[in-house]
Amino acid sequence: MNQSFKYAWELDSSEMDFLFGVDLKGTVNGTNVAVQQMMKQGFGAIYNVEGMGSNDAIQCKFALYGTAKRAVTYYTDAVAKELTEAKSPIIVGKLSPGIMITDFLTSSKGQKDAYELEEKMKKVYNILRDYPDVIAKFLVTKIIENKEK
């Protein structure tokens, strides 16, 4: 879930709650439910999706989104370590899909109109982005091949 294209101090608490609820709490809850079921069956693999900010990169007007994604990265690494310590066969990993060509780049939840990206960001996105189906095919292939924790 993307935040409104605003500075952090311009966002109200309801948007913060919604964004953290989807991007962070949703990941935590989903992971916890999946781990519990996978423990019962004795195997499984969980892959959480990182995003802008997960690698500590900072982009103006994405402070909440980046914060949530950095937290997802930490949480995923922590759960993977805990499962290793518990000698669980469950695989936990992170997916970093990169920049996808979706309306995420020009709009956000709660905004009726698309916003214009800054020129420097347009240049970066035009070089680094790809379509979701291309990225999904690549990531799914890697998930299927992965046997490491």
N, C-alpha and C. Protein backbone atom coordinates (compact mmCIF):
# COMPACT_ATOMS: atom_id res chain seq x y z
N MET A 1 0.86 -1.17 0.00
CA MET A 1 0.00 0.00 0.00
C MET A 1 0.90 1.22 0.00
N ASN A 2 0.62 2.15 -0.84
CA ASN A 2 1.41 3.36 -0.94
C ASN A 2 0.81 4.46 -0.07
N GLN A 3 1.64 5.38 0.35
CA GLN A 3 1.14 6.52 1.12
C GLN A 3 0.80 7.66 0.17
N SER A 4 0.07 8.64 0.65
CA SER A 4 -0.16 9.85 -0.12
C SER A 4 1.17 10.51 -0.39
N PHE A 5 1.28 11.15 -1.52
CA PHE A 5 2.54 11.78 -1.92
C PHE A 5 2.67 13.10 -1.16
N LYS A 6 2.97 12.96 0.15
CA LYS A 6 3.07 14.11 1.05
C LYS A 6 4.25 13.89 2.00
N TYR A 7 4.69 14.97 2.60
CA TYR A 7 5.71 14.84 3.64
C TYR A 7 5.12 14.13 4.85
N ALA A 8 5.97 13.49 5.63
CA ALA A 8 5.52 12.69 6.78
C ALA A 8 4.63 13.48 7.72
N TRP A 9 4.98 14.72 8.00
CA TRP A 9 4.22 15.51 8.96
C TRP A 9 2.87 15.98 8.42
N GLU A 10 2.63 15.78 7.13
CA GLU A 10 1.35 16.17 6.53
C GLU A 10 0.33 15.04 6.56
N LEU A 11 0.74 13.86 6.95
CA LEU A 11 -0.14 12.70 6.96
C LEU A 11 -0.88 12.60 8.30
N ASP A 12 -2.15 12.24 8.24
CA ASP A 12 -2.89 12.13 9.49
C ASP A 12 -2.79 10.71 10.05
N SER A 13 -3.21 10.55 11.28
CA SER A 13 -3.04 9.27 11.97
C SER A 13 -3.86 8.15 11.32
N SER A 14 -4.98 8.47 10.70
CA SER A 14 -5.76 7.41 10.07
C SER A 14 -5.01 6.82 8.87
N GLU A 15 -4.29 7.67 8.13
CA GLU A 15 -3.50 7.14 7.02
C GLU A 15 -2.33 6.32 7.55
N MET A 16 -1.71 6.78 8.62
CA MET A 16 -0.62 6.01 9.23
C MET A 16 -1.12 4.65 9.68
N ASP A 17 -2.26 4.63 10.37
CA ASP A 17 -2.82 3.37 10.86
C ASP A 17 -3.12 2.42 9.70
N PHE A 18 -3.71 2.96 8.64
CA PHE A 18 -4.07 2.14 7.49
C PHE A 18 -2.82 1.56 6.82
N LEU A 19 -1.84 2.41 6.55
CA LEU A 19 -0.63 1.97 5.87
C LEU A 19 0.13 0.94 6.71
N PHE A 20 0.35 1.22 8.00
CA PHE A 20 1.04 0.26 8.84
C PHE A 20 0.21 -1.01 9.03
N GLY A 21 -1.10 -0.87 9.04
CA GLY A 21 -1.98 -2.03 9.16
C GLY A 21 -1.84 -2.97 7.98
N VAL A 22 -1.76 -2.41 6.78
CA VAL A 22 -1.63 -3.24 5.57
C VAL A 22 -0.20 -3.73 5.41
N ASP A 23 0.75 -2.81 5.36
CA ASP A 23 2.12 -3.15 4.99
C ASP A 23 2.90 -3.87 6.09
N LEU A 24 2.66 -3.54 7.32
CA LEU A 24 3.44 -4.17 8.40
C LEU A 24 2.62 -5.20 9.17
N LYS A 25 1.52 -4.76 9.73
CA LYS A 25 0.72 -5.68 10.54
C LYS A 25 0.18 -6.83 9.69
N GLY A 26 -0.20 -6.56 8.46
CA GLY A 26 -0.67 -7.61 7.57
C GLY A 26 0.40 -8.66 7.32
N THR A 27 1.64 -8.20 7.13
CA THR A 27 2.76 -9.12 6.92
C THR A 27 3.03 -9.94 8.18
N VAL A 28 3.02 -9.30 9.32
CA VAL A 28 3.26 -10.00 10.58
C VAL A 28 2.17 -11.03 10.82
N ASN A 29 0.92 -10.63 10.71
CA ASN A 29 -0.18 -11.57 10.95
C ASN A 29 -0.16 -12.73 9.95
N GLY A 30 0.05 -12.41 8.68
CA GLY A 30 0.09 -13.46 7.65
C GLY A 30 1.22 -14.44 7.89
N THR A 31 2.37 -13.92 8.24
CA THR A 31 3.53 -14.77 8.52
C THR A 31 3.26 -15.66 9.73
N ASN A 32 2.73 -15.08 10.79
CA ASN A 32 2.47 -15.86 12.00
C ASN A 32 1.47 -16.99 11.76
N VAL A 33 0.40 -16.70 11.04
CA VAL A 33 -0.59 -17.74 10.74
C VAL A 33 0.04 -18.82 9.88
N ALA A 34 0.83 -18.40 8.87
CA ALA A 34 1.48 -19.38 7.99
C ALA A 34 2.47 -20.25 8.76
N VAL A 35 3.28 -19.65 9.62
CA VAL A 35 4.25 -20.43 10.41
C VAL A 35 3.53 -21.45 11.28
N GLN A 36 2.46 -21.04 11.93
CA GLN A 36 1.73 -21.97 12.80
C GLN A 36 1.22 -23.18 12.02
N GLN A 37 0.68 -22.94 10.84
CA GLN A 37 0.17 -24.06 10.03
C GLN A 37 1.32 -24.92 9.49
N MET A 38 2.38 -24.27 9.05
CA MET A 38 3.52 -25.00 8.51
C MET A 38 4.22 -25.83 9.58
N MET A 39 4.21 -25.34 10.82
CA MET A 39 4.77 -26.13 11.93
C MET A 39 3.98 -27.42 12.09
N LYS A 40 2.66 -27.34 11.97
CA LYS A 40 1.81 -28.53 12.10
C LYS A 40 2.09 -29.54 10.99
N GLN A 41 2.31 -29.03 9.77
CA GLN A 41 2.54 -29.95 8.65
C GLN A 41 4.00 -30.34 8.48
N GLY A 42 4.89 -29.62 9.16
CA GLY A 42 6.30 -29.98 9.16
C GLY A 42 7.14 -29.43 8.02
N PHE A 43 6.60 -28.52 7.24
CA PHE A 43 7.37 -27.92 6.15
C PHE A 43 6.63 -26.69 5.62
N GLY A 44 7.33 -25.94 4.78
CA GLY A 44 6.71 -24.80 4.12
C GLY A 44 7.72 -23.71 3.83
N ALA A 45 7.27 -22.73 3.09
CA ALA A 45 8.12 -21.58 2.73
C ALA A 45 7.28 -20.32 2.72
N ILE A 46 7.83 -19.27 3.29
CA ILE A 46 7.15 -17.97 3.37
C ILE A 46 8.09 -16.94 2.74
N TYR A 47 7.53 -16.10 1.88
CA TYR A 47 8.31 -15.03 1.27
C TYR A 47 7.56 -13.72 1.45
N ASN A 48 8.16 -12.81 2.19
CA ASN A 48 7.57 -11.49 2.38
C ASN A 48 8.18 -10.52 1.38
N VAL A 49 7.38 -9.52 1.01
CA VAL A 49 7.79 -8.58 -0.03
C VAL A 49 8.36 -7.31 0.58
N GLU A 50 9.61 -7.03 0.20
CA GLU A 50 10.24 -5.78 0.60
C GLU A 50 9.79 -4.69 -0.37
N GLY A 51 10.20 -3.48 -0.08
CA GLY A 51 9.88 -2.36 -0.95
C GLY A 51 10.81 -1.21 -0.68
N MET A 52 10.52 -0.10 -1.29
CA MET A 52 11.35 1.09 -1.11
C MET A 52 11.54 1.38 0.38
N GLY A 53 12.78 1.50 0.79
CA GLY A 53 13.09 1.73 2.20
C GLY A 53 13.62 0.50 2.90
N SER A 54 13.37 -0.67 2.35
CA SER A 54 13.84 -1.89 3.01
C SER A 54 15.35 -1.99 3.02
N ASN A 55 16.00 -1.31 2.11
CA ASN A 55 17.47 -1.31 2.07
C ASN A 55 18.05 -0.03 2.64
N ASP A 56 17.26 0.68 3.41
CA ASP A 56 17.63 1.94 4.05
C ASP A 56 17.70 3.13 3.09
N ALA A 57 17.32 2.95 1.83
CA ALA A 57 17.24 4.09 0.91
C ALA A 57 16.11 5.00 1.36
N ILE A 58 16.32 6.28 1.24
CA ILE A 58 15.30 7.24 1.68
C ILE A 58 14.82 8.05 0.48
N GLN A 59 13.51 8.10 0.32
CA GLN A 59 12.88 8.88 -0.74
C GLN A 59 11.88 9.82 -0.10
N CYS A 60 11.99 11.09 -0.38
CA CYS A 60 11.06 12.06 0.18
C CYS A 60 9.62 11.73 -0.23
N LYS A 61 8.72 11.99 0.69
CA LYS A 61 7.29 11.78 0.53
C LYS A 61 6.90 10.30 0.49
N PHE A 62 7.79 9.45 0.98
CA PHE A 62 7.50 8.03 1.15
C PHE A 62 7.97 7.55 2.52
N ALA A 63 8.01 8.45 3.50
CA ALA A 63 8.57 8.13 4.81
C ALA A 63 7.83 6.98 5.50
N LEU A 64 6.51 7.01 5.50
CA LEU A 64 5.76 5.95 6.17
C LEU A 64 5.90 4.63 5.44
N TYR A 65 5.77 4.67 4.13
CA TYR A 65 5.91 3.45 3.34
C TYR A 65 7.28 2.83 3.56
N GLY A 66 8.33 3.63 3.45
CA GLY A 66 9.70 3.14 3.66
C GLY A 66 9.92 2.59 5.05
N THR A 67 9.34 3.25 6.04
CA THR A 67 9.44 2.79 7.42
C THR A 67 8.80 1.41 7.57
N ALA A 68 7.61 1.26 7.00
CA ALA A 68 6.91 -0.03 7.09
C ALA A 68 7.70 -1.13 6.39
N LYS A 69 8.24 -0.83 5.22
CA LYS A 69 8.98 -1.85 4.47
C LYS A 69 10.31 -2.20 5.15
N ARG A 70 10.95 -1.24 5.79
CA ARG A 70 12.17 -1.54 6.55
C ARG A 70 11.83 -2.45 7.72
N ALA A 71 10.69 -2.19 8.34
CA ALA A 71 10.25 -3.04 9.45
C ALA A 71 9.93 -4.45 8.96
N VAL A 72 9.35 -4.58 7.78
CA VAL A 72 9.07 -5.91 7.21
C VAL A 72 10.38 -6.68 7.01
N THR A 73 11.40 -5.99 6.55
CA THR A 73 12.71 -6.63 6.34
C THR A 73 13.26 -7.15 7.68
N TYR A 74 13.24 -6.31 8.69
CA TYR A 74 13.74 -6.71 10.00
C TYR A 74 12.92 -7.90 10.54
N TYR A 75 11.61 -7.78 10.48
CA TYR A 75 10.73 -8.83 11.00
C TYR A 75 11.00 -10.16 10.29
N THR A 76 11.11 -10.12 8.98
CA THR A 76 11.34 -11.34 8.20
C THR A 76 12.66 -11.98 8.59
N ASP A 77 13.71 -11.17 8.71
CA ASP A 77 15.02 -11.69 9.13
C ASP A 77 14.95 -12.28 10.54
N ALA A 78 14.22 -11.62 11.42
CA ALA A 78 14.11 -12.09 12.81
C ALA A 78 13.36 -13.43 12.87
N VAL A 79 12.26 -13.54 12.13
CA VAL A 79 11.50 -14.80 12.12
C VAL A 79 12.35 -15.93 11.53
N ALA A 80 13.08 -15.63 10.47
CA ALA A 80 13.95 -16.65 9.86
C ALA A 80 14.99 -17.13 10.88
N LYS A 81 15.56 -16.22 11.64
CA LYS A 81 16.56 -16.58 12.66
C LYS A 81 15.90 -17.40 13.77
N GLU A 82 14.72 -17.00 14.19
CA GLU A 82 14.02 -17.74 15.24
C GLU A 82 13.68 -19.16 14.79
N LEU A 83 13.25 -19.30 13.54
CA LEU A 83 12.92 -20.64 13.04
C LEU A 83 14.18 -21.51 12.91
N THR A 84 15.29 -20.89 12.55
CA THR A 84 16.55 -21.63 12.51
C THR A 84 16.94 -22.09 13.91
N GLU A 85 16.83 -21.19 14.87
CA GLU A 85 17.13 -21.54 16.26
C GLU A 85 16.22 -22.66 16.76
N ALA A 86 14.97 -22.64 16.33
CA ALA A 86 14.01 -23.66 16.74
C ALA A 86 14.15 -24.95 15.92
N LYS A 87 15.15 -24.98 15.02
CA LYS A 87 15.40 -26.13 14.15
C LYS A 87 14.19 -26.50 13.30
N SER A 88 13.49 -25.48 12.84
CA SER A 88 12.32 -25.67 11.99
C SER A 88 12.76 -25.82 10.53
N PRO A 89 12.07 -26.66 9.76
CA PRO A 89 12.40 -26.80 8.34
C PRO A 89 11.76 -25.70 7.46
N ILE A 90 11.05 -24.80 8.07
CA ILE A 90 10.35 -23.76 7.31
C ILE A 90 11.34 -22.75 6.74
N ILE A 91 11.19 -22.45 5.47
CA ILE A 91 12.01 -21.45 4.79
C ILE A 91 11.31 -20.10 4.91
N VAL A 92 12.05 -19.08 5.29
CA VAL A 92 11.50 -17.71 5.32
C VAL A 92 12.47 -16.82 4.55
N GLY A 93 11.92 -16.12 3.58
CA GLY A 93 12.76 -15.27 2.76
C GLY A 93 12.07 -13.97 2.40
N LYS A 94 12.83 -13.14 1.71
CA LYS A 94 12.32 -11.84 1.29
C LYS A 94 12.37 -11.75 -0.23
N LEU A 95 11.36 -11.14 -0.79
CA LEU A 95 11.34 -10.85 -2.22
C LEU A 95 11.52 -9.36 -2.41
N SER A 96 12.40 -9.00 -3.29
CA SER A 96 12.63 -7.60 -3.63
C SER A 96 12.33 -7.42 -5.10
N PRO A 97 11.06 -7.17 -5.42
CA PRO A 97 10.66 -7.15 -6.83
C PRO A 97 11.17 -5.96 -7.63
N GLY A 98 11.68 -4.95 -6.96
CA GLY A 98 12.12 -3.77 -7.68
C GLY A 98 10.94 -2.90 -8.08
N ILE A 99 11.17 -2.05 -9.03
CA ILE A 99 10.14 -1.09 -9.43
C ILE A 99 9.25 -1.71 -10.51
N MET A 100 7.97 -1.83 -10.20
CA MET A 100 7.01 -2.38 -11.15
C MET A 100 6.18 -1.26 -11.76
N ILE A 101 5.79 -1.44 -12.99
CA ILE A 101 4.95 -0.48 -13.69
C ILE A 101 3.51 -0.74 -13.27
N THR A 102 3.06 0.00 -12.27
CA THR A 102 1.68 -0.06 -11.80
C THR A 102 1.26 1.35 -11.44
N ASP A 103 0.00 1.52 -11.07
CA ASP A 103 -0.45 2.85 -10.65
C ASP A 103 0.13 3.26 -9.30
N PHE A 104 0.82 2.33 -8.63
CA PHE A 104 1.52 2.65 -7.39
C PHE A 104 2.50 3.81 -7.59
N LEU A 105 3.07 3.90 -8.79
CA LEU A 105 4.07 4.93 -9.07
C LEU A 105 3.48 6.33 -9.15
N THR A 106 2.19 6.43 -9.44
CA THR A 106 1.61 7.77 -9.66
C THR A 106 0.35 8.04 -8.85
N SER A 107 -0.02 7.14 -7.97
CA SER A 107 -1.20 7.37 -7.14
C SER A 107 -1.05 6.62 -5.83
N SER A 108 -1.93 6.93 -4.91
CA SER A 108 -1.88 6.24 -3.63
C SER A 108 -3.29 6.11 -3.07
N LYS A 109 -3.42 5.24 -2.10
CA LYS A 109 -4.70 5.03 -1.44
C LYS A 109 -5.21 6.34 -0.88
N GLY A 110 -6.43 6.67 -1.16
CA GLY A 110 -7.02 7.87 -0.59
C GLY A 110 -6.88 9.11 -1.47
N GLN A 111 -6.09 9.03 -2.52
CA GLN A 111 -5.98 10.18 -3.41
C GLN A 111 -6.79 9.92 -4.67
N LYS A 112 -7.63 10.87 -5.02
CA LYS A 112 -8.48 10.71 -6.20
C LYS A 112 -7.70 10.92 -7.49
N ASP A 113 -6.78 11.84 -7.48
CA ASP A 113 -6.04 12.18 -8.68
C ASP A 113 -4.62 11.63 -8.60
N ALA A 114 -4.11 11.27 -9.77
CA ALA A 114 -2.72 10.83 -9.84
C ALA A 114 -1.82 12.03 -9.58
N TYR A 115 -0.64 11.76 -9.05
CA TYR A 115 0.32 12.83 -8.85
C TYR A 115 1.44 12.70 -9.87
N GLU A 116 2.11 13.77 -10.09
CA GLU A 116 3.21 13.81 -11.04
C GLU A 116 4.52 13.49 -10.32
N LEU A 117 5.24 12.54 -10.85
CA LEU A 117 6.55 12.22 -10.28
C LEU A 117 7.54 13.33 -10.60
N GLU A 118 8.50 13.49 -9.70
CA GLU A 118 9.57 14.45 -9.95
C GLU A 118 10.40 13.95 -11.14
N GLU A 119 10.97 14.86 -11.89
CA GLU A 119 11.72 14.51 -13.10
C GLU A 119 12.86 13.52 -12.80
N LYS A 120 13.59 13.72 -11.70
CA LYS A 120 14.69 12.80 -11.41
C LYS A 120 14.17 11.39 -11.15
N MET A 121 12.98 11.27 -10.55
CA MET A 121 12.41 9.95 -10.29
C MET A 121 11.91 9.31 -11.59
N LYS A 122 11.37 10.11 -12.50
CA LYS A 122 10.93 9.57 -13.79
C LYS A 122 12.10 8.91 -14.51
N LYS A 123 13.25 9.55 -14.48
CA LYS A 123 14.43 9.01 -15.16
C LYS A 123 14.84 7.67 -14.53
N VAL A 124 14.85 7.62 -13.21
CA VAL A 124 15.21 6.38 -12.52
C VAL A 124 14.20 5.29 -12.85
N TYR A 125 12.93 5.59 -12.73
CA TYR A 125 11.89 4.59 -12.99
C TYR A 125 11.93 4.10 -14.43
N ASN A 126 12.19 4.98 -15.37
CA ASN A 126 12.23 4.58 -16.77
C ASN A 126 13.37 3.62 -17.06
N ILE A 127 14.41 3.66 -16.28
CA ILE A 127 15.55 2.76 -16.47
C ILE A 127 15.35 1.45 -15.72
N LEU A 128 14.85 1.51 -14.50
CA LEU A 128 14.85 0.36 -13.60
C LEU A 128 13.55 -0.43 -13.52
N ARG A 129 12.49 0.04 -14.05
CA ARG A 129 11.19 -0.61 -13.84
C ARG A 129 10.91 -1.70 -14.85
N ASP A 130 9.92 -2.56 -14.49
CA ASP A 130 9.47 -3.61 -15.39
C ASP A 130 8.02 -3.91 -15.07
N TYR A 131 7.39 -4.74 -15.90
CA TYR A 131 5.98 -5.08 -15.72
C TYR A 131 5.81 -6.21 -14.69
N PRO A 132 4.70 -6.19 -13.95
CA PRO A 132 4.49 -7.22 -12.91
C PRO A 132 4.60 -8.65 -13.41
N ASP A 133 4.10 -8.95 -14.61
CA ASP A 133 4.15 -10.34 -15.09
C ASP A 133 5.59 -10.79 -15.35
N VAL A 134 6.44 -9.90 -15.78
CA VAL A 134 7.85 -10.23 -16.01
C VAL A 134 8.54 -10.49 -14.67
N ILE A 135 8.29 -9.60 -13.73
CA ILE A 135 8.90 -9.74 -12.40
C ILE A 135 8.38 -11.00 -11.70
N ALA A 136 7.09 -11.25 -11.79
CA ALA A 136 6.50 -12.42 -11.14
C ALA A 136 7.10 -13.72 -11.69
N LYS A 137 7.25 -13.80 -12.98
CA LYS A 137 7.82 -15.01 -13.59
C LYS A 137 9.23 -15.27 -13.06
N PHE A 138 10.02 -14.22 -12.98
CA PHE A 138 11.38 -14.33 -12.46
C PHE A 138 11.37 -14.79 -10.99
N LEU A 139 10.55 -14.11 -10.16
CA LEU A 139 10.54 -14.42 -8.73
C LEU A 139 10.00 -15.81 -8.45
N VAL A 140 8.94 -16.21 -9.13
CA VAL A 140 8.36 -17.53 -8.90
C VAL A 140 9.36 -18.63 -9.25
N THR A 141 10.09 -18.44 -10.33
CA THR A 141 11.13 -19.40 -10.70
C THR A 141 12.16 -19.53 -9.59
N LYS A 142 12.59 -18.41 -9.03
CA LYS A 142 13.58 -18.43 -7.95
C LYS A 142 13.01 -19.08 -6.68
N ILE A 143 11.74 -18.83 -6.39
CA ILE A 143 11.10 -19.44 -5.22
C ILE A 143 11.07 -20.96 -5.36
N ILE A 144 10.67 -21.43 -6.52
CA ILE A 144 10.59 -22.88 -6.76
C ILE A 144 11.96 -23.54 -6.64
N GLU A 145 12.99 -22.86 -7.12
CA GLU A 145 14.35 -23.41 -7.08
C GLU A 145 14.97 -23.34 -5.68
N ASN A 146 14.49 -22.46 -4.82
CA ASN A 146 15.13 -22.23 -3.52
C ASN A 146 14.86 -23.38 -2.55
N LYS A 147 15.94 -23.87 -1.97
CA LYS A 147 15.85 -24.91 -0.94
C LYS A 147 16.57 -24.47 0.34
N GLU A 148 17.15 -23.26 0.30
CA GLU A 148 17.92 -22.76 1.44
C GLU A 148 17.03 -21.97 2.39
N LYS A 149 17.43 -21.96 3.64
CA LYS A 149 16.74 -21.16 4.64
C LYS A 149 17.21 -19.74 4.57
